[in-house]
Amino acid sequence: YSFETEYKIPGTAAPDGSCTFTYRSSSRKKGEFNSPRYPSNYPSDTNCTYLFLATPNEQVTLVFDHFKVRTRNVNSSSNGHYG
């Protein structure tokens, strides 16, 4: 996986090819990021990790303008909760 420049904030992909991206405040303080293949569906059986690294005196704030999750079977043991 890799992020392209159209995503507006540089993300560094994990060298092992996993869907893990690291964002460092030393690279940029503000920007936008998206999941792989946005706005299309997320790849099947993919779990991505996004790491936002800041200095001790900085605060990381995430604002989601668009957030879509797939519904689970209502009979599942999680009672429809994610996490």
Protein backbone atom coordinates (compact mmCIF):
# COMPACT_ATOMS: atom_id res chain seq x y z
CA TYR A 1 0.00 0.00 0.00
CA SER A 2 1.11 3.55 -0.54
CA PHE A 3 -0.38 6.98 -0.31
CA GLU A 4 -0.24 9.21 -3.35
CA THR A 5 0.29 12.95 -3.33
CA GLU A 6 -3.43 13.56 -3.91
CA TYR A 7 -4.00 12.56 -0.29
CA LYS A 8 -2.36 15.84 0.71
CA ILE A 9 -0.23 14.63 3.60
CA PRO A 10 2.84 12.43 3.34
CA GLY A 11 2.53 9.05 4.97
CA THR A 12 5.36 6.59 5.25
CA ALA A 13 4.36 3.01 4.49
CA ALA A 14 5.78 0.16 6.56
CA PRO A 15 8.79 -1.48 4.90
CA ASP A 16 7.32 -4.96 5.38
CA GLY A 17 4.40 -4.13 3.06
CA SER A 18 1.75 -4.21 5.80
CA CYS A 19 -0.98 -1.61 5.77
CA THR A 20 0.70 0.58 8.39
CA PHE A 21 1.32 4.28 7.87
CA THR A 22 3.25 6.70 10.05
CA TYR A 23 2.60 10.44 10.11
CA ARG A 24 5.16 12.64 11.85
CA SER A 25 4.47 16.17 12.95
CA SER A 26 8.01 17.02 11.87
CA SER A 27 6.89 16.44 8.24
CA ARG A 28 3.68 18.45 8.34
CA LYS A 29 1.39 19.89 11.01
CA LYS A 30 -1.93 19.76 9.11
CA GLY A 31 -3.40 17.81 6.24
CA GLU A 32 -5.81 15.15 5.10
CA PHE A 33 -5.40 11.40 4.83
CA ASN A 34 -7.59 8.62 3.47
CA SER A 35 -7.82 4.87 3.68
CA PRO A 36 -6.52 2.72 0.79
CA ARG A 37 -8.56 3.03 -2.41
CA TYR A 38 -10.70 5.90 -1.03
CA PRO A 39 -13.39 6.76 -2.11
CA SER A 40 -13.84 3.16 -3.29
CA ASN A 41 -14.38 0.34 -0.82
CA TYR A 42 -11.62 -0.64 1.56
CA PRO A 43 -9.75 -3.76 0.35
CA SER A 44 -11.20 -7.05 1.66
CA ASP A 45 -9.52 -8.63 4.69
CA THR A 46 -7.36 -5.56 5.21
CA ASN A 47 -6.59 -4.03 8.58
CA CYS A 48 -4.65 -0.80 8.48
CA THR A 49 -2.84 0.99 11.27
CA TYR A 50 -2.24 4.73 11.23
CA LEU A 51 0.39 6.11 13.60
CA PHE A 52 0.41 9.84 14.34
CA LEU A 53 3.63 10.87 16.04
CA ALA A 54 4.02 14.26 17.70
CA THR A 55 6.46 15.83 20.10
CA PRO A 56 5.57 15.71 23.83
CA ASN A 57 4.29 19.31 23.78
CA GLU A 58 2.00 18.77 20.76
CA GLN A 59 -1.55 17.46 20.64
CA VAL A 60 -2.91 15.29 17.81
CA THR A 61 -6.49 16.05 16.79
CA LEU A 62 -8.37 13.96 14.23
CA VAL A 63 -11.57 15.22 12.61
CA PHE A 64 -13.55 12.79 10.46
CA ASP A 65 -15.61 14.44 7.72
CA HIS A 66 -16.70 11.11 6.23
CA PHE A 67 -16.72 7.83 8.11
CA LYS A 68 -18.41 4.69 6.83
CA VAL A 69 -18.39 1.23 8.41
CA ARG A 70 -19.94 -1.98 7.20
CA THR A 71 -22.75 -3.31 9.36
CA ARG A 72 -22.31 -6.64 11.02
CA ASN A 73 -24.84 -9.39 11.44
CA VAL A 74 -27.25 -8.25 14.18
CA ASN A 75 -27.04 -11.72 15.71
CA SER A 76 -23.29 -11.49 16.26
CA SER A 77 -21.86 -11.76 19.76
CA SER A 78 -20.57 -8.17 19.63
CA ASN A 79 -24.13 -6.77 19.61
CA GLY A 80 -23.22 -4.54 16.68
CA HIS A 81 -20.34 -2.79 18.45
CA TYR A 82 -17.05 -2.26 16.69
CA GLY A 83 -13.68 -2.56 18.29
